[in-house]
Amino acid sequence: MAQYYSVEQVAELLGLHVRTVRGYIRDGRLAATRIGKQYRIARADLEALTGAPAGRTDTAAAPRVEVSAVVRIEGVGRLAVDRLTTTVLAAIAGPRDGGRPLHVETVHDAERETLRVVVLGDPADTAALLAIIDSLTRENGHV
């Protein structure tokens, strides 16, 4: 029998806010079934999002540490957004030291000329990606 989680349980397991989990569902990043006014998330769908077994309670394993970061870059037009986004996505395409992929989303507000880069992943990999973003924005005067 399949195991299902509530939005609150998923938020607790991932160390996220309930609104963030609902946003993942709304954006299609996390598959869920609506039952009445609530969502239920299948264990397989949660594992597909995280790339790891859901609800693992193996205390002998090293603790899992994850970082979430939001970078806001102001004064960027469409060409700069395309270049930054392409470079960031290329930087995360390779294998990771921690074995887990980085999750990256970019949101461009053309009217305000801002780009938000949302990163979720291993601390070392996240730090390396933030250094790349810092370098790209400094060389183009977006700091």
N, C-alpha and C. Protein backbone atom coordinates (compact mmCIF):
# COMPACT_ATOMS: atom_id res chain seq x y z
N MET A 1 0.84 -1.19 0.00
CA MET A 1 0.00 0.00 0.00
C MET A 1 0.89 1.25 0.00
N ALA A 2 0.53 2.20 -0.81
CA ALA A 2 1.32 3.43 -0.94
C ALA A 2 1.19 4.28 0.32
N GLN A 3 2.27 4.95 0.67
CA GLN A 3 2.26 5.84 1.82
C GLN A 3 2.06 7.27 1.33
N TYR A 4 1.20 8.03 2.03
CA TYR A 4 0.91 9.40 1.66
C TYR A 4 1.23 10.33 2.82
N TYR A 5 1.63 11.56 2.46
CA TYR A 5 1.96 12.58 3.45
C TYR A 5 1.06 13.79 3.25
N SER A 6 0.82 14.50 4.33
CA SER A 6 0.11 15.77 4.25
C SER A 6 1.13 16.86 3.89
N VAL A 7 0.65 18.02 3.51
CA VAL A 7 1.54 19.14 3.20
C VAL A 7 2.37 19.49 4.44
N GLU A 8 1.75 19.43 5.60
CA GLU A 8 2.45 19.76 6.85
C GLU A 8 3.58 18.75 7.13
N GLN A 9 3.30 17.48 6.88
CA GLN A 9 4.33 16.45 7.10
C GLN A 9 5.49 16.63 6.14
N VAL A 10 5.20 16.93 4.88
CA VAL A 10 6.26 17.16 3.90
C VAL A 10 7.09 18.37 4.30
N ALA A 11 6.43 19.43 4.74
CA ALA A 11 7.14 20.63 5.17
C ALA A 11 8.09 20.31 6.32
N GLU A 12 7.62 19.52 7.27
CA GLU A 12 8.45 19.14 8.42
C GLU A 12 9.62 18.26 7.98
N LEU A 13 9.37 17.28 7.12
CA LEU A 13 10.43 16.39 6.65
C LEU A 13 11.52 17.13 5.90
N LEU A 14 11.12 18.15 5.11
CA LEU A 14 12.08 18.88 4.29
C LEU A 14 12.62 20.13 4.97
N GLY A 15 12.06 20.47 6.12
CA GLY A 15 12.50 21.68 6.81
C GLY A 15 12.08 22.94 6.07
N LEU A 16 10.92 22.89 5.44
CA LEU A 16 10.41 24.03 4.68
C LEU A 16 9.14 24.56 5.32
N HIS A 17 8.74 25.73 4.91
CA HIS A 17 7.48 26.30 5.35
C HIS A 17 6.35 25.63 4.55
N VAL A 18 5.20 25.51 5.17
CA VAL A 18 4.04 24.89 4.53
C VAL A 18 3.70 25.62 3.22
N ARG A 19 3.82 26.94 3.21
CA ARG A 19 3.52 27.70 1.99
C ARG A 19 4.48 27.35 0.86
N THR A 20 5.72 27.06 1.20
CA THR A 20 6.69 26.68 0.18
C THR A 20 6.29 25.36 -0.46
N VAL A 21 5.88 24.40 0.35
CA VAL A 21 5.44 23.11 -0.18
C VAL A 21 4.22 23.29 -1.06
N ARG A 22 3.27 24.11 -0.62
CA ARG A 22 2.08 24.36 -1.45
C ARG A 22 2.47 25.03 -2.76
N GLY A 23 3.46 25.90 -2.71
CA GLY A 23 3.97 26.54 -3.94
C GLY A 23 4.57 25.52 -4.89
N TYR A 24 5.31 24.55 -4.34
CA TYR A 24 5.87 23.47 -5.18
C TYR A 24 4.75 22.69 -5.86
N ILE A 25 3.67 22.45 -5.13
CA ILE A 25 2.53 21.72 -5.70
C ILE A 25 1.88 22.56 -6.79
N ARG A 26 1.65 23.82 -6.49
CA ARG A 26 1.00 24.72 -7.45
C ARG A 26 1.83 24.87 -8.72
N ASP A 27 3.17 24.93 -8.58
CA ASP A 27 4.06 25.10 -9.72
C ASP A 27 4.31 23.80 -10.48
N GLY A 28 3.84 22.68 -9.93
CA GLY A 28 4.02 21.41 -10.60
C GLY A 28 5.33 20.71 -10.28
N ARG A 29 6.12 21.25 -9.36
CA ARG A 29 7.39 20.63 -8.97
C ARG A 29 7.17 19.40 -8.10
N LEU A 30 6.04 19.38 -7.38
CA LEU A 30 5.72 18.27 -6.50
C LEU A 30 4.32 17.80 -6.83
N ALA A 31 4.22 16.55 -7.27
CA ALA A 31 2.90 15.99 -7.60
C ALA A 31 2.12 15.73 -6.31
N ALA A 32 0.83 16.02 -6.35
CA ALA A 32 -0.02 15.81 -5.19
C ALA A 32 -1.45 15.54 -5.65
N THR A 33 -2.19 14.87 -4.80
CA THR A 33 -3.60 14.58 -5.06
C THR A 33 -4.43 15.42 -4.10
N ARG A 34 -5.42 16.10 -4.64
CA ARG A 34 -6.28 16.91 -3.80
C ARG A 34 -7.43 16.04 -3.30
N ILE A 35 -7.61 16.01 -1.99
CA ILE A 35 -8.71 15.28 -1.36
C ILE A 35 -9.47 16.32 -0.54
N GLY A 36 -10.64 16.70 -1.04
CA GLY A 36 -11.38 17.77 -0.38
C GLY A 36 -10.61 19.07 -0.49
N LYS A 37 -10.27 19.65 0.65
CA LYS A 37 -9.52 20.91 0.66
C LYS A 37 -8.05 20.70 0.96
N GLN A 38 -7.62 19.45 1.04
CA GLN A 38 -6.23 19.16 1.41
C GLN A 38 -5.53 18.37 0.31
N TYR A 39 -4.20 18.50 0.32
CA TYR A 39 -3.38 17.73 -0.61
C TYR A 39 -2.77 16.54 0.11
N ARG A 40 -2.55 15.47 -0.64
CA ARG A 40 -1.81 14.31 -0.16
C ARG A 40 -0.70 14.03 -1.17
N ILE A 41 0.50 13.80 -0.65
CA ILE A 41 1.67 13.60 -1.49
C ILE A 41 2.13 12.16 -1.32
N ALA A 42 2.23 11.44 -2.42
CA ALA A 42 2.70 10.05 -2.38
C ALA A 42 4.19 10.02 -2.07
N ARG A 43 4.60 9.00 -1.35
CA ARG A 43 6.00 8.82 -0.98
C ARG A 43 6.90 8.87 -2.21
N ALA A 44 6.49 8.20 -3.29
CA ALA A 44 7.29 8.17 -4.52
C ALA A 44 7.46 9.57 -5.10
N ASP A 45 6.42 10.41 -5.03
CA ASP A 45 6.50 11.77 -5.56
C ASP A 45 7.42 12.64 -4.69
N LEU A 46 7.37 12.43 -3.39
CA LEU A 46 8.27 13.15 -2.49
C LEU A 46 9.72 12.75 -2.76
N GLU A 47 9.95 11.46 -2.94
CA GLU A 47 11.30 10.98 -3.24
C GLU A 47 11.79 11.49 -4.59
N ALA A 48 10.87 11.63 -5.55
CA ALA A 48 11.25 12.17 -6.86
C ALA A 48 11.70 13.63 -6.73
N LEU A 49 11.07 14.39 -5.85
CA LEU A 49 11.44 15.79 -5.64
C LEU A 49 12.80 15.90 -4.96
N THR A 50 13.01 15.11 -3.91
CA THR A 50 14.23 15.25 -3.10
C THR A 50 15.39 14.44 -3.60
N GLY A 51 15.11 13.38 -4.36
CA GLY A 51 16.19 12.50 -4.81
C GLY A 51 16.71 11.59 -3.71
N ALA A 52 15.95 11.46 -2.63
CA ALA A 52 16.36 10.63 -1.49
C ALA A 52 15.12 9.93 -0.93
N PRO A 53 15.34 8.82 -0.22
CA PRO A 53 14.20 8.14 0.41
C PRO A 53 13.47 9.06 1.38
N ALA A 54 12.16 9.07 1.33
CA ALA A 54 11.36 9.93 2.19
C ALA A 54 11.30 9.38 3.61
N GLY A 55 11.37 10.29 4.57
CA GLY A 55 11.18 9.92 5.96
C GLY A 55 12.21 8.96 6.51
N ARG A 56 13.42 8.99 5.98
CA ARG A 56 14.45 8.07 6.43
C ARG A 56 14.79 8.35 7.88
N THR A 57 14.86 7.31 8.67
CA THR A 57 15.14 7.48 10.09
C THR A 57 16.43 6.78 10.49
N ASP A 58 17.32 6.57 9.56
CA ASP A 58 18.59 5.90 9.83
C ASP A 58 19.50 6.85 10.63
N THR A 59 19.59 6.62 11.95
CA THR A 59 20.36 7.52 12.80
C THR A 59 21.85 7.30 12.67
N ALA A 60 22.30 6.19 12.11
CA ALA A 60 23.72 5.94 11.93
C ALA A 60 24.28 6.74 10.75
N ALA A 61 23.41 7.14 9.83
CA ALA A 61 23.86 7.90 8.67
C ALA A 61 24.20 9.32 9.09
N ALA A 62 25.06 9.95 8.29
CA ALA A 62 25.43 11.34 8.55
C ALA A 62 24.19 12.22 8.44
N PRO A 63 24.11 13.26 9.25
CA PRO A 63 22.93 14.13 9.17
C PRO A 63 22.88 14.82 7.81
N ARG A 64 21.70 14.98 7.32
CA ARG A 64 21.51 15.66 6.04
C ARG A 64 21.38 17.15 6.30
N VAL A 65 22.20 17.90 5.61
CA VAL A 65 22.19 19.35 5.76
C VAL A 65 21.85 19.94 4.40
N GLU A 66 20.90 20.86 4.39
CA GLU A 66 20.48 21.49 3.16
C GLU A 66 20.42 23.00 3.37
N VAL A 67 20.73 23.73 2.33
CA VAL A 67 20.71 25.18 2.37
C VAL A 67 19.69 25.67 1.36
N SER A 68 18.92 26.68 1.74
CA SER A 68 18.08 27.36 0.76
C SER A 68 18.51 28.82 0.73
N ALA A 69 18.62 29.34 -0.47
CA ALA A 69 19.07 30.72 -0.63
C ALA A 69 18.28 31.38 -1.76
N VAL A 70 18.02 32.66 -1.58
CA VAL A 70 17.39 33.45 -2.63
C VAL A 70 18.31 34.62 -2.94
N VAL A 71 18.71 34.71 -4.20
CA VAL A 71 19.56 35.81 -4.65
C VAL A 71 18.70 36.74 -5.49
N ARG A 72 18.72 38.02 -5.16
CA ARG A 72 17.98 39.01 -5.94
C ARG A 72 18.98 39.91 -6.64
N ILE A 73 18.86 39.96 -7.96
CA ILE A 73 19.77 40.76 -8.77
C ILE A 73 18.94 41.84 -9.45
N GLU A 74 19.30 43.09 -9.23
CA GLU A 74 18.55 44.20 -9.79
C GLU A 74 19.25 44.77 -11.01
N GLY A 75 18.49 45.41 -11.86
CA GLY A 75 19.04 46.10 -13.02
C GLY A 75 19.49 45.16 -14.13
N VAL A 76 18.75 44.08 -14.33
CA VAL A 76 19.13 43.13 -15.38
C VAL A 76 18.04 43.07 -16.44
N GLY A 77 18.44 43.22 -17.68
CA GLY A 77 17.52 43.12 -18.81
C GLY A 77 17.47 41.69 -19.30
N ARG A 78 16.70 41.48 -20.34
CA ARG A 78 16.47 40.13 -20.87
C ARG A 78 17.77 39.44 -21.29
N LEU A 79 18.68 40.13 -21.97
CA LEU A 79 19.93 39.50 -22.42
C LEU A 79 20.79 39.05 -21.24
N ALA A 80 20.89 39.90 -20.22
CA ALA A 80 21.66 39.55 -19.03
C ALA A 80 21.01 38.39 -18.28
N VAL A 81 19.69 38.39 -18.22
CA VAL A 81 18.97 37.29 -17.56
C VAL A 81 19.25 35.98 -18.28
N ASP A 82 19.17 36.00 -19.61
CA ASP A 82 19.43 34.78 -20.38
C ASP A 82 20.84 34.27 -20.14
N ARG A 83 21.81 35.18 -20.14
CA ARG A 83 23.21 34.78 -19.93
C ARG A 83 23.43 34.23 -18.53
N LEU A 84 22.91 34.94 -17.52
CA LEU A 84 23.06 34.49 -16.13
C LEU A 84 22.38 33.14 -15.92
N THR A 85 21.16 32.99 -16.42
CA THR A 85 20.41 31.76 -16.23
C THR A 85 21.10 30.59 -16.92
N THR A 86 21.57 30.79 -18.14
CA THR A 86 22.26 29.73 -18.87
C THR A 86 23.53 29.31 -18.14
N THR A 87 24.29 30.27 -17.64
CA THR A 87 25.53 29.96 -16.92
C THR A 87 25.24 29.21 -15.62
N VAL A 88 24.23 29.65 -14.88
CA VAL A 88 23.87 28.99 -13.62
C VAL A 88 23.42 27.55 -13.87
N LEU A 89 22.57 27.36 -14.87
CA LEU A 89 22.08 26.02 -15.16
C LEU A 89 23.20 25.11 -15.67
N ALA A 90 24.14 25.67 -16.43
CA ALA A 90 25.29 24.87 -16.89
C ALA A 90 26.18 24.49 -15.70
N ALA A 91 26.31 25.40 -14.73
CA ALA A 91 27.16 25.14 -13.57
C ALA A 91 26.63 24.00 -12.70
N ILE A 92 25.33 23.80 -12.68
CA ILE A 92 24.77 22.75 -11.82
C ILE A 92 24.53 21.45 -12.57
N ALA A 93 24.84 21.41 -13.86
CA ALA A 93 24.53 20.23 -14.67
C ALA A 93 25.42 19.03 -14.36
N GLY A 94 26.61 19.25 -13.84
CA GLY A 94 27.53 18.15 -13.57
C GLY A 94 27.25 17.43 -12.27
N PRO A 95 28.02 16.38 -12.01
CA PRO A 95 27.84 15.63 -10.75
C PRO A 95 28.22 16.48 -9.54
N ARG A 96 27.60 16.19 -8.42
CA ARG A 96 27.84 16.92 -7.17
C ARG A 96 28.64 16.06 -6.21
N ASP A 97 29.43 16.72 -5.35
CA ASP A 97 30.19 16.00 -4.33
C ASP A 97 29.27 15.24 -3.38
N GLY A 98 28.17 15.87 -2.99
CA GLY A 98 27.24 15.25 -2.06
C GLY A 98 26.35 14.21 -2.72
N GLY A 99 26.42 14.10 -4.04
CA GLY A 99 25.61 13.13 -4.73
C GLY A 99 24.17 13.55 -4.94
N ARG A 100 23.78 14.69 -4.39
CA ARG A 100 22.41 15.18 -4.55
C ARG A 100 22.42 16.37 -5.48
N PRO A 101 21.44 16.48 -6.34
CA PRO A 101 21.41 17.62 -7.26
C PRO A 101 21.00 18.90 -6.54
N LEU A 102 21.47 20.00 -7.06
CA LEU A 102 20.99 21.29 -6.60
C LEU A 102 19.67 21.57 -7.31
N HIS A 103 18.73 22.14 -6.58
CA HIS A 103 17.48 22.57 -7.19
C HIS A 103 17.58 24.08 -7.36
N VAL A 104 17.42 24.55 -8.59
CA VAL A 104 17.54 25.98 -8.88
C VAL A 104 16.34 26.42 -9.70
N GLU A 105 15.77 27.55 -9.30
CA GLU A 105 14.70 28.18 -10.06
C GLU A 105 15.06 29.64 -10.26
N THR A 106 14.73 30.16 -11.42
CA THR A 106 14.96 31.57 -11.69
C THR A 106 13.62 32.23 -12.03
N VAL A 107 13.45 33.45 -11.54
CA VAL A 107 12.24 34.21 -11.81
C VAL A 107 12.66 35.61 -12.24
N HIS A 108 12.31 35.98 -13.46
CA HIS A 108 12.65 37.30 -13.98
C HIS A 108 11.42 38.19 -13.99
N ASP A 109 11.55 39.36 -13.41
CA ASP A 109 10.50 40.37 -13.46
C ASP A 109 10.98 41.44 -14.44
N ALA A 110 10.51 41.37 -15.68
CA ALA A 110 10.98 42.27 -16.74
C ALA A 110 10.63 43.72 -16.43
N GLU A 111 9.47 43.94 -15.84
CA GLU A 111 9.04 45.30 -15.55
C GLU A 111 9.97 45.98 -14.53
N ARG A 112 10.37 45.25 -13.52
CA ARG A 112 11.25 45.80 -12.48
C ARG A 112 12.73 45.54 -12.75
N GLU A 113 13.01 44.80 -13.83
CA GLU A 113 14.37 44.42 -14.20
C GLU A 113 15.10 43.76 -13.03
N THR A 114 14.44 42.76 -12.44
CA THR A 114 15.07 41.99 -11.36
C THR A 114 15.03 40.51 -11.72
N LEU A 115 16.01 39.81 -11.21
CA LEU A 115 16.10 38.36 -11.37
C LEU A 115 16.27 37.77 -9.98
N ARG A 116 15.46 36.78 -9.67
CA ARG A 116 15.61 36.03 -8.41
C ARG A 116 16.07 34.63 -8.77
N VAL A 117 17.09 34.20 -8.06
CA VAL A 117 17.61 32.84 -8.23
C VAL A 117 17.40 32.14 -6.91
N VAL A 118 16.60 31.07 -6.91
CA VAL A 118 16.31 30.31 -5.71
C VAL A 118 17.10 29.00 -5.78
N VAL A 119 17.89 28.75 -4.74
CA VAL A 119 18.77 27.58 -4.72
C VAL A 119 18.46 26.74 -3.49
N LEU A 120 18.36 25.42 -3.67
CA LEU A 120 18.14 24.49 -2.58
C LEU A 120 19.10 23.32 -2.78
N GLY A 121 19.96 23.07 -1.79
CA GLY A 121 20.88 21.95 -1.95
C GLY A 121 21.93 21.87 -0.87
N ASP A 122 22.93 21.06 -1.15
CA ASP A 122 24.06 20.82 -0.27
C ASP A 122 24.80 22.14 0.02
N PRO A 123 25.25 22.38 1.26
CA PRO A 123 25.92 23.64 1.59
C PRO A 123 27.13 23.96 0.71
N ALA A 124 28.00 22.98 0.47
CA ALA A 124 29.21 23.24 -0.32
C ALA A 124 28.85 23.56 -1.77
N ASP A 125 27.93 22.79 -2.35
CA ASP A 125 27.52 23.04 -3.73
C ASP A 125 26.80 24.38 -3.86
N THR A 126 25.97 24.70 -2.87
CA THR A 126 25.26 25.97 -2.89
C THR A 126 26.25 27.13 -2.79
N ALA A 127 27.24 27.00 -1.91
CA ALA A 127 28.26 28.05 -1.76
C ALA A 127 29.02 28.24 -3.06
N ALA A 128 29.37 27.15 -3.73
CA ALA A 128 30.10 27.25 -4.99
C ALA A 128 29.25 27.96 -6.04
N LEU A 129 27.95 27.64 -6.09
CA LEU A 129 27.08 28.29 -7.05
C LEU A 129 26.90 29.77 -6.72
N LEU A 130 26.78 30.10 -5.45
CA LEU A 130 26.66 31.50 -5.05
C LEU A 130 27.92 32.28 -5.43
N ALA A 131 29.08 31.65 -5.33
CA ALA A 131 30.33 32.30 -5.74
C ALA A 131 30.33 32.58 -7.24
N ILE A 132 29.80 31.65 -8.02
CA ILE A 132 29.70 31.86 -9.47
C ILE A 132 28.76 33.03 -9.77
N ILE A 133 27.61 33.05 -9.10
CA ILE A 133 26.66 34.15 -9.31
C ILE A 133 27.29 35.48 -8.91
N ASP A 134 28.00 35.49 -7.78
CA ASP A 134 28.68 36.70 -7.33
C ASP A 134 29.68 37.18 -8.38
N SER A 135 30.47 36.27 -8.90
CA SER A 135 31.46 36.62 -9.92
C SER A 135 30.80 37.18 -11.17
N LEU A 136 29.74 36.53 -11.63
CA LEU A 136 29.05 36.99 -12.83
C LEU A 136 28.44 38.37 -12.64
N THR A 137 27.84 38.61 -11.49
CA THR A 137 27.19 39.90 -11.27
C THR A 137 28.20 41.02 -11.04
N ARG A 138 29.33 40.71 -10.41
CA ARG A 138 30.36 41.74 -10.19
C ARG A 138 31.00 42.17 -11.51
N GLU A 139 31.27 41.20 -12.37
CA GLU A 139 31.93 41.54 -13.64
C GLU A 139 31.02 42.32 -14.57
N ASN A 140 29.72 42.24 -14.33
CA ASN A 140 28.77 42.97 -15.18
C ASN A 140 28.14 44.16 -14.48
N GLY A 141 28.65 44.52 -13.31
CA GLY A 141 28.17 45.70 -12.62
C GLY A 141 26.78 45.60 -12.03
N HIS A 142 26.33 44.38 -11.69
CA HIS A 142 25.00 44.22 -11.10
C HIS A 142 25.04 44.17 -9.59
N VAL A 143 26.11 44.61 -8.98
CA VAL A 143 26.23 44.60 -7.52
C VAL A 143 26.03 45.99 -6.99
